[in-house]
C-alpha atoms as a PDB file:
ATOM      1  CA  MET A   1     -49.037  27.647  68.701  1.00  0.00           C
ATOM      2  CA  ARG A   2     -45.321  28.137  69.686  1.00  0.00           C
ATOM      3  CA  ILE A   3     -42.813  28.718  66.880  1.00  0.00           C
ATOM      4  CA  VAL A   4     -39.129  28.651  67.413  1.00  0.00           C
ATOM      5  CA  LEU A   5     -36.598  29.601  64.704  1.00  0.00           C
ATOM      6  CA  LYS A   6     -33.321  28.060  64.058  1.00  0.00           C
ATOM      7  CA  ARG A   7     -30.689  29.273  61.432  1.00  0.00           C
ATOM      8  CA  SER A   8     -28.095  27.180  59.596  1.00  0.00           C
ATOM      9  CA  HIS A   9     -26.703  28.850  56.435  1.00  0.00           C
ATOM     10  CA  GLU A  10     -29.585  29.357  54.004  1.00  0.00           C
ATOM     11  CA  LEU A  11     -32.174  27.510  56.266  1.00  0.00           C
ATOM     12  CA  LEU A  12     -34.840  28.540  58.605  1.00  0.00           C
ATOM     13  CA  VAL A  13     -36.752  26.024  60.677  1.00  0.00           C
ATOM     14  CA  ALA A  14     -40.080  26.658  62.418  1.00  0.00           C
ATOM     15  CA  LYS A  15     -41.065  24.395  65.381  1.00  0.00           C
ATOM     16  CA  VAL A  16     -44.946  24.371  65.285  1.00  0.00           C
ATOM     17  CA  ALA A  17     -46.633  22.583  68.123  1.00  0.00           C
ATOM     18  CA  GLY A  18     -43.699  20.301  68.657  1.00  0.00           C
ATOM     19  CA  ARG A  19     -43.272  19.647  64.934  1.00  0.00           C
ATOM     20  CA  LYS A  20     -40.283  21.132  62.899  1.00  0.00           C
ATOM     21  CA  ILE A  21     -41.307  22.813  59.587  1.00  0.00           C
ATOM     22  CA  PRO A  22     -38.626  23.820  57.258  1.00  0.00           C
ATOM     23  CA  VAL A  23     -38.977  27.298  55.724  1.00  0.00           C
ATOM     24  CA  VAL A  24     -37.974  27.291  52.091  1.00  0.00           C
ATOM     25  CA  ILE A  25     -35.401  30.058  51.282  1.00  0.00           C
ATOM     26  CA  LYS A  26     -35.130  31.244  47.731  1.00  0.00           C
ATOM     27  CA  ARG A  27     -32.896  34.014  46.373  1.00  0.00           C
ATOM     28  CA  ASN A  28     -34.065  36.200  43.388  1.00  0.00           C
ATOM     29  CA  HIS A  29     -31.711  38.798  42.096  1.00  0.00           C
ATOM     30  CA  ARG A  30     -34.868  40.639  40.566  1.00  0.00           C
ATOM     31  CA  ALA A  31     -36.601  40.836  43.899  1.00  0.00           C
ATOM     32  CA  ARG A  32     -36.740  44.309  45.359  1.00  0.00           C
ATOM     33  CA  ARG A  33     -38.188  43.239  48.836  1.00  0.00           C
ATOM     34  CA  ILE A  34     -38.734  40.201  50.921  1.00  0.00           C
ATOM     35  CA  ILE A  35     -41.715  38.175  49.947  1.00  0.00           C
ATOM     36  CA  LEU A  36     -43.342  35.507  52.149  1.00  0.00           C
ATOM     37  CA  ARG A  37     -45.913  32.993  50.965  1.00  0.00           C
ATOM     38  CA  ILE A  38     -47.132  29.530  51.671  1.00  0.00           C
ATOM     39  CA  ASP A  39     -46.392  26.856  48.981  1.00  0.00           C
ATOM     40  CA  GLU A  40     -49.679  25.005  48.922  1.00  0.00           C
ATOM     41  CA  ALA A  41     -48.177  21.845  47.119  1.00  0.00           C
ATOM     42  CA  LEU A  42     -45.329  21.709  49.569  1.00  0.00           C
ATOM     43  CA  GLY A  43     -47.286  22.634  52.601  1.00  0.00           C
ATOM     44  CA  LEU A  44     -44.491  25.014  53.616  1.00  0.00           C
ATOM     45  CA  PRO A  45     -43.652  28.623  54.065  1.00  0.00           C
ATOM     46  CA  VAL A  46     -41.473  30.058  51.377  1.00  0.00           C
ATOM     47  CA  ILE A  47     -39.457  33.269  51.740  1.00  0.00           C
ATOM     48  CA  THR A  48     -37.882  34.954  48.715  1.00  0.00           C
ATOM     49  CA  LEU A  49     -35.109  37.235  49.493  1.00  0.00           C
ATOM     50  CA  PRO A  50     -33.097  39.673  47.305  1.00  0.00           C
ATOM     51  CA  SER A  51     -29.704  38.402  46.359  1.00  0.00           C
ATOM     52  CA  HIS A  52     -27.870  40.693  48.863  1.00  0.00           C
ATOM     53  CA  THR A  53     -30.282  40.631  51.708  1.00  0.00           C
ATOM     54  CA  ASN A  54     -28.998  39.056  54.881  1.00  0.00           C
ATOM     55  CA  LEU A  55     -30.533  35.739  55.976  1.00  0.00           C
ATOM     56  CA  ALA A  56     -30.991  37.277  59.412  1.00  0.00           C
ATOM     57  CA  ARG A  57     -33.287  39.888  57.967  1.00  0.00           C
ATOM     58  CA  GLY A  58     -35.336  37.210  56.519  1.00  0.00           C
ATOM     59  CA  GLU A  59     -35.615  35.623  59.992  1.00  0.00           C
ATOM     60  CA  ASP A  60     -36.830  38.965  61.384  1.00  0.00           C
ATOM     61  CA  PHE A  61     -39.362  39.314  58.616  1.00  0.00           C
ATOM     62  CA  LEU A  62     -40.675  35.816  59.403  1.00  0.00           C
ATOM     63  CA  ARG A  63     -41.009  36.687  63.052  1.00  0.00           C
ATOM     64  CA  GLU A  64     -42.955  39.773  62.196  1.00  0.00           C
ATOM     65  CA  HIS A  65     -45.508  37.695  60.220  1.00  0.00           C
ATOM     66  CA  LEU A  66     -45.810  34.661  62.509  1.00  0.00           C
ATOM     67  CA  HIS A  67     -49.564  35.230  63.049  1.00  0.00           C
ATOM     68  CA  TRP A  68     -50.061  35.350  59.375  1.00  0.00           C
ATOM     69  CA  VAL A  69     -48.100  32.131  58.713  1.00  0.00           C
ATOM     70  CA  GLU A  70     -49.942  30.409  61.488  1.00  0.00           C
ATOM     71  CA  SER A  71     -53.370  31.298  60.252  1.00  0.00           C
ATOM     72  CA  ARG A  72     -52.463  30.187  56.638  1.00  0.00           C
ATOM     73  CA  LEU A  73     -51.088  26.948  57.855  1.00  0.00           C
ATOM     74  CA  ASN A  74     -54.131  26.411  59.822  1.00  0.00           C
ATOM     75  CA  ARG A  75     -56.344  26.991  56.708  1.00  0.00           C
ATOM     76  CA  MET A  76     -54.367  24.689  54.399  1.00  0.00           C
ATOM     77  CA  ALA A  77     -56.219  21.741  52.932  1.00  0.00           C
ATOM     78  CA  PRO A  78     -55.572  18.604  54.816  1.00  0.00           C
ATOM     79  CA  VAL A  79     -53.094  16.167  53.214  1.00  0.00           C
ATOM     80  CA  VAL A  80     -54.873  13.284  51.315  1.00  0.00           C
ATOM     81  CA  PRO A  81     -52.317  10.415  51.050  1.00  0.00           C
ATOM     82  CA  PHE A  82     -52.522   7.568  48.573  1.00  0.00           C
ATOM     83  CA  CYS A  83     -52.893   4.526  50.677  1.00  0.00           C
ATOM     84  CA  ASP A  84     -55.198   1.553  50.919  1.00  0.00           C
ATOM     85  CA  GLY A  85     -58.676   2.663  52.060  1.00  0.00           C
ATOM     86  CA  GLY A  86     -57.705   6.349  51.165  1.00  0.00           C
ATOM     87  CA  VAL A  87     -60.315   8.475  49.290  1.00  0.00           C
ATOM     88  CA  PHE A  88     -59.368  11.100  46.818  1.00  0.00           C
ATOM     89  CA  PRO A  89     -61.197  13.001  44.052  1.00  0.00           C
ATOM     90  CA  LEU A  90     -61.059  11.470  40.502  1.00  0.00           C
ATOM     91  CA  ARG A  91     -62.487  13.699  37.848  1.00  0.00           C
ATOM     92  CA  GLY A  92     -64.355  15.413  40.603  1.00  0.00           C
ATOM     93  CA  ALA A  93     -66.004  12.330  42.103  1.00  0.00           C
ATOM     94  CA  PRO A  94     -64.789  10.575  45.296  1.00  0.00           C
ATOM     95  CA  CYS A  95     -62.666   7.409  44.514  1.00  0.00           C
ATOM     96  CA  ARG A  96     -61.440   4.938  47.095  1.00  0.00           C
ATOM     97  CA  ILE A  97     -58.189   3.049  46.796  1.00  0.00           C
ATOM     98  CA  GLU A  98     -58.290  -0.764  47.385  1.00  0.00           C
ATOM     99  CA  HIS A  99     -54.769  -2.406  47.367  1.00  0.00           C
ATOM    100  CA  ARG A 100     -54.627  -5.868  46.164  1.00  0.00           C
ATOM    101  CA  GLY A 101     -51.661  -8.254  46.006  1.00  0.00           C
ATOM    102  CA  GLY A 102     -50.441 -10.043  42.861  1.00  0.00           C
ATOM    103  CA  ARG A 103     -49.814  -8.819  39.540  1.00  0.00           C
ATOM    104  CA  GLY A 104     -52.007  -6.812  37.131  1.00  0.00           C
ATOM    105  CA  LEU A 105     -53.115  -3.461  35.969  1.00  0.00           C
ATOM    106  CA  ILE A 106     -54.808  -0.741  37.836  1.00  0.00           C
ATOM    107  CA  SER A 107     -58.476  -0.673  37.228  1.00  0.00           C
ATOM    108  CA  VAL A 108     -61.402   1.631  38.120  1.00  0.00           C
ATOM    109  CA  GLU A 109     -64.764   0.003  38.857  1.00  0.00           C
ATOM    110  CA  LYS A 110     -68.079   1.650  40.018  1.00  0.00           C
ATOM    111  CA  GLU A 111     -69.915   0.108  42.947  1.00  0.00           C
ATOM    112  CA  PRO A 112     -73.028   1.223  44.710  1.00  0.00           C
ATOM    113  CA  GLY A 113     -70.703   3.134  47.348  1.00  0.00           C
ATOM    114  CA  GLY A 114     -68.836   4.956  44.586  1.00  0.00           C
ATOM    115  CA  ARG A 115     -65.749   4.394  42.496  1.00  0.00           C
ATOM    116  CA  ILE A 116     -62.962   1.961  43.475  1.00  0.00           C
ATOM    117  CA  LEU A 117     -59.470   2.256  42.160  1.00  0.00           C
ATOM    118  CA  ARG A 118     -58.175  -1.364  42.490  1.00  0.00           C
ATOM    119  CA  VAL A 119     -54.217  -1.282  42.744  1.00  0.00           C
ATOM    120  CA  PRO A 120     -52.300  -4.576  42.454  1.00  0.00           C
ATOM    121  CA  GLY A 121     -48.694  -5.105  43.447  1.00  0.00           C
ATOM    122  CA  GLU A 122     -46.577  -4.696  46.416  1.00  0.00           C
ATOM    123  CA  PRO A 123     -47.702  -2.186  49.001  1.00  0.00           C
ATOM    124  CA  GLU A 124     -44.429  -0.196  48.847  1.00  0.00           C
ATOM    125  CA  PHE A 125     -45.113   0.705  45.230  1.00  0.00           C
ATOM    126  CA  LEU A 126     -48.757   1.810  45.805  1.00  0.00           C
ATOM    127  CA  VAL A 127     -48.017   5.558  45.806  1.00  0.00           C
ATOM    128  CA  ARG A 128     -45.861   5.470  42.779  1.00  0.00           C
ATOM    129  CA  ARG A 129     -48.393   3.075  40.697  1.00  0.00           C
ATOM    130  CA  VAL A 130     -51.359   5.424  41.699  1.00  0.00           C
ATOM    131  CA  THR A 131     -49.374   8.597  40.793  1.00  0.00           C
ATOM    132  CA  GLU A 132     -48.180   7.276  37.461  1.00  0.00           C
ATOM    133  CA  TRP A 133     -51.584   5.873  36.503  1.00  0.00           C
ATOM    134  CA  LEU A 134     -53.201   9.380  37.271  1.00  0.00           C
ATOM    135  CA  LYS A 135     -50.486  11.048  35.009  1.00  0.00           C
ATOM    136  CA  ARG A 136     -51.456   8.684  32.244  1.00  0.00           C
ATOM    137  CA  GLU A 137     -55.152   9.389  32.711  1.00  0.00           C
ATOM    138  CA  ALA A 138     -54.556  13.113  32.775  1.00  0.00           C
ATOM    139  CA  ARG A 139     -52.417  12.932  29.597  1.00  0.00           C
ATOM    140  CA  ARG A 140     -55.180  10.934  27.810  1.00  0.00           C
ATOM    141  CA  ASP A 141     -57.965  13.459  28.876  1.00  0.00           C
ATOM    142  CA  LEU A 142     -55.790  16.337  27.974  1.00  0.00           C
ATOM    143  CA  GLU A 143     -54.806  15.094  24.578  1.00  0.00           C
ATOM    144  CA  VAL A 144     -58.389  14.759  23.622  1.00  0.00           C
ATOM    145  CA  ALA A 145     -59.280  18.188  24.942  1.00  0.00           C
ATOM    146  CA  VAL A 146     -56.284  19.931  23.275  1.00  0.00           C
ATOM    147  CA  SER A 147     -56.961  18.411  19.932  1.00  0.00           C
ATOM    148  CA  ARG A 148     -60.550  19.477  19.966  1.00  0.00           C
ATOM    149  CA  HIS A 149     -59.834  23.069  20.895  1.00  0.00           C
ATOM    150  CA  ALA A 150     -56.748  23.335  18.556  1.00  0.00           C
ATOM    151  CA  ARG A 151     -58.965  22.312  15.729  1.00  0.00           C
ATOM    152  CA  ALA A 152     -61.536  24.749  16.526  1.00  0.00           C
ATOM    153  CA  ILE A 153     -59.059  27.674  16.164  1.00  0.00           C
ATOM    154  CA  GLY A 154     -56.862  26.171  13.405  1.00  0.00           C
ATOM    155  CA  ARG A 155     -53.752  25.659  15.443  1.00  0.00           C
ATOM    156  CA  ARG A 156     -51.800  22.572  16.500  1.00  0.00           C
ATOM    157  CA  ALA A 157     -49.746  21.875  19.648  1.00  0.00           C
ATOM    158  CA  LYS A 158     -46.293  20.561  18.987  1.00  0.00           C
ATOM    159  CA  MET A 159     -46.182  18.576  22.139  1.00  0.00           C
ATOM    160  CA  ILE A 160     -48.164  18.000  25.415  1.00  0.00           C
ATOM    161  CA  ARG A 161     -46.256  17.594  28.580  1.00  0.00           C
ATOM    162  CA  VAL A 162     -47.739  16.398  31.842  1.00  0.00           C
ATOM    163  CA  GLY A 163     -45.870  17.261  35.128  1.00  0.00           C
ATOM    164  CA  ASP A 164     -46.512  18.659  38.666  1.00  0.00           C
ATOM    165  CA  ALA A 165     -45.660  22.376  38.491  1.00  0.00           C
ATOM    166  CA  LYS A 166     -46.252  23.993  41.912  1.00  0.00           C
ATOM    167  CA  SER A 167     -46.896  27.463  40.613  1.00  0.00           C
ATOM    168  CA  ARG A 168     -49.317  27.133  37.539  1.00  0.00           C
ATOM    169  CA  TRP A 169     -51.762  24.532  36.212  1.00  0.00           C
ATOM    170  CA  GLY A 170     -50.743  24.980  32.647  1.00  0.00           C
ATOM    171  CA  SER A 171     -48.543  26.839  30.404  1.00  0.00           C
ATOM    172  CA  CYS A 172     -47.597  27.331  26.588  1.00  0.00           C
ATOM    173  CA  SER A 173     -44.112  27.915  25.178  1.00  0.00           C
ATOM    174  CA  ALA A 174     -43.176  29.943  22.190  1.00  0.00           C
ATOM    175  CA  ASN A 175     -42.616  26.747  20.222  1.00  0.00           C
ATOM    176  CA  ALA A 176     -46.095  25.512  20.976  1.00  0.00           C
ATOM    177  CA  VAL A 177     -45.423  23.107  23.613  1.00  0.00           C
ATOM    178  CA  LEU A 178     -48.185  22.785  26.159  1.00  0.00           C
ATOM    179  CA  THR A 179     -47.499  21.835  29.697  1.00  0.00           C
ATOM    180  CA  PHE A 180     -50.199  20.796  32.224  1.00  0.00           C
ATOM    181  CA  SER A 181     -50.358  19.675  35.854  1.00  0.00           C
ATOM    182  CA  TRP A 182     -51.552  15.970  36.126  1.00  0.00           C
ATOM    183  CA  ARG A 183     -53.737  17.156  39.216  1.00  0.00           C
ATOM    184  CA  LEU A 184     -56.276  18.540  36.640  1.00  0.00           C
ATOM    185  CA  VAL A 185     -57.443  15.015  36.272  1.00  0.00           C
ATOM    186  CA  LEU A 186     -58.628  15.118  39.857  1.00  0.00           C
ATOM    187  CA  ALA A 187     -60.903  18.115  39.124  1.00  0.00           C
ATOM    188  CA  PRO A 188     -64.314  18.018  37.432  1.00  0.00           C
ATOM    189  CA  PRO A 189     -63.909  17.435  33.737  1.00  0.00           C
ATOM    190  CA  HIS A 190     -65.037  20.970  32.805  1.00  0.00           C
ATOM    191  CA  VAL A 191     -62.009  22.429  34.763  1.00  0.00           C
ATOM    192  CA  LEU A 192     -59.494  20.364  32.851  1.00  0.00           C
ATOM    193  CA  ASP A 193     -61.251  21.255  29.571  1.00  0.00           C
ATOM    194  CA  TYR A 194     -61.055  24.970  30.449  1.00  0.00           C
ATOM    195  CA  LEU A 195     -57.277  24.727  31.067  1.00  0.00           C
ATOM    196  CA  ALA A 196     -56.852  22.965  27.733  1.00  0.00           C
ATOM    197  CA  ALA A 197     -58.807  25.657  26.030  1.00  0.00           C
ATOM    198  CA  HIS A 198     -56.859  28.422  27.875  1.00  0.00           C
ATOM    199  CA  GLU A 199     -53.456  27.081  26.777  1.00  0.00           C
ATOM    200  CA  VAL A 200     -54.563  26.430  23.252  1.00  0.00           C
ATOM    201  CA  VAL A 201     -55.675  29.953  22.843  1.00  0.00           C
ATOM    202  CA  HIS A 202     -51.995  30.933  23.579  1.00  0.00           C
ATOM    203  CA  LEU A 203     -51.072  29.084  20.399  1.00  0.00           C
ATOM    204  CA  ARG A 204     -52.585  32.192  18.668  1.00  0.00           C
ATOM    205  CA  GLU A 205     -52.146  34.863  21.435  1.00  0.00           C
ATOM    206  CA  MET A 206     -49.135  34.543  23.617  1.00  0.00           C
ATOM    207  CA  ASN A 207     -50.324  36.998  26.207  1.00  0.00           C
ATOM    208  CA  HIS A 208     -53.477  37.899  28.160  1.00  0.00           C
ATOM    209  CA  GLY A 209     -54.602  40.900  26.343  1.00  0.00           C
ATOM    210  CA  PRO A 210     -58.064  41.794  24.981  1.00  0.00           C
ATOM    211  CA  ARG A 211     -57.718  39.455  21.906  1.00  0.00           C
ATOM    212  CA  PHE A 212     -56.822  36.529  24.104  1.00  0.00           C
ATOM    213  CA  TRP A 213     -59.803  36.860  26.254  1.00  0.00           C
ATOM    214  CA  ALA A 214     -62.120  37.581  23.327  1.00  0.00           C
ATOM    215  CA  LEU A 215     -60.991  34.358  21.581  1.00  0.00           C
ATOM    216  CA  LEU A 216     -61.305  32.345  24.898  1.00  0.00           C
ATOM    217  CA  ASP A 217     -64.887  33.840  25.338  1.00  0.00           C
ATOM    218  CA  ARG A 218     -65.689  32.281  21.968  1.00  0.00           C
ATOM    219  CA  LEU A 219     -63.940  29.011  22.482  1.00  0.00           C
ATOM    220  CA  TYR A 220     -64.939  28.237  26.050  1.00  0.00           C
ATOM    221  CA  PRO A 221     -67.675  30.575  27.350  1.00  0.00           C
ATOM    222  CA  GLY A 222     -67.835  28.994  30.593  1.00  0.00           C
ATOM    223  CA  HIS A 223     -64.259  29.659  31.596  1.00  0.00           C
ATOM    224  CA  ARG A 224     -65.145  32.014  34.339  1.00  0.00           C
ATOM    225  CA  SER A 225     -66.897  29.333  36.531  1.00  0.00           C
ATOM    226  CA  ALA A 226     -63.894  26.919  36.010  1.00  0.00           C
ATOM    227  CA  THR A 227     -61.567  29.541  37.129  1.00  0.00           C
ATOM    228  CA  ALA A 228     -63.691  30.266  40.184  1.00  0.00           C
ATOM    229  CA  TRP A 229     -63.642  26.573  40.970  1.00  0.00           C
ATOM    230  CA  LEU A 230     -59.959  26.455  40.760  1.00  0.00           C
ATOM    231  CA  ASN A 231     -59.614  29.499  43.014  1.00  0.00           C
ATOM    232  CA  LEU A 232     -61.751  27.797  45.549  1.00  0.00           C
ATOM    233  CA  HIS A 233     -60.496  24.247  45.408  1.00  0.00           C
ATOM    234  CA  GLY A 234     -57.147  24.359  43.910  1.00  0.00           C
ATOM    235  CA  ALA A 235     -55.436  24.033  47.271  1.00  0.00           C
ATOM    236  CA  ARG A 236     -57.237  20.779  47.826  1.00  0.00           C
ATOM    237  CA  LEU A 237     -55.857  19.285  44.529  1.00  0.00           C
ATOM    238  CA  SER A 238     -52.305  20.288  45.687  1.00  0.00           C
ATOM    239  CA  ALA A 239     -52.701  18.294  48.922  1.00  0.00           C
ATOM    240  CA  VAL A 240     -53.642  14.976  47.151  1.00  0.00           C
ATOM    241  CA  GLY A 241     -50.916  12.454  47.290  1.00  0.00           C
ATOM    242  CA  ARG A 242     -48.757  14.568  49.379  1.00  0.00           C
ATOM    243  CA  VAL A 243     -46.839  12.742  52.273  1.00  0.00           C
ATOM    244  CA  PRO A 244     -48.133  13.981  55.572  1.00  0.00           C
END
């Protein structure tokens, strides 16, 4: 793999096997050193620079770690685009997209070969329609799970938000707003259920101290297996629906 770097203001571009790959540059006034990572959701390298670090130093740092970047990019989960005939995981099981013309609602049907997601409408709107449908399905599953776990510990979430955060699967704010990634609906149901339990526990314990883990152990004893699944397969979920 041959990589050529180009600089233009706050931009680095790596040319990998004839394909230009932008390198995301971030500035952080709290950073004490240069940090290089691969954003699994974007499929791109990201360099975080301290506020006063020259971009040229970031370029040098990238050059020094090209072998690491190459190996990580090669190990990344393949992109799974939403397209007619495309197969993606839905609640942990393969689901094939079948585009149909005309009007109507998206529907899921079980056939001998597996699940079929039938998507009506114009082809140029397929990606958006599938994504929005998955967000609604994720919200429905999460609302049920959050409500069940919250009742179990005597708490109540103020609001549930569903988005596509790139750095975390879920979060809980100080005012009891729970936020989740819609991509959890792609995972097996027990993984989504665990994330709901995890964030609900934060309604009582806004930290990851001993009392948090003790309560989570009682509320969701299988949380370790769900965490292990996410650590092993989370990158695959981030690649679903991404543009190649």
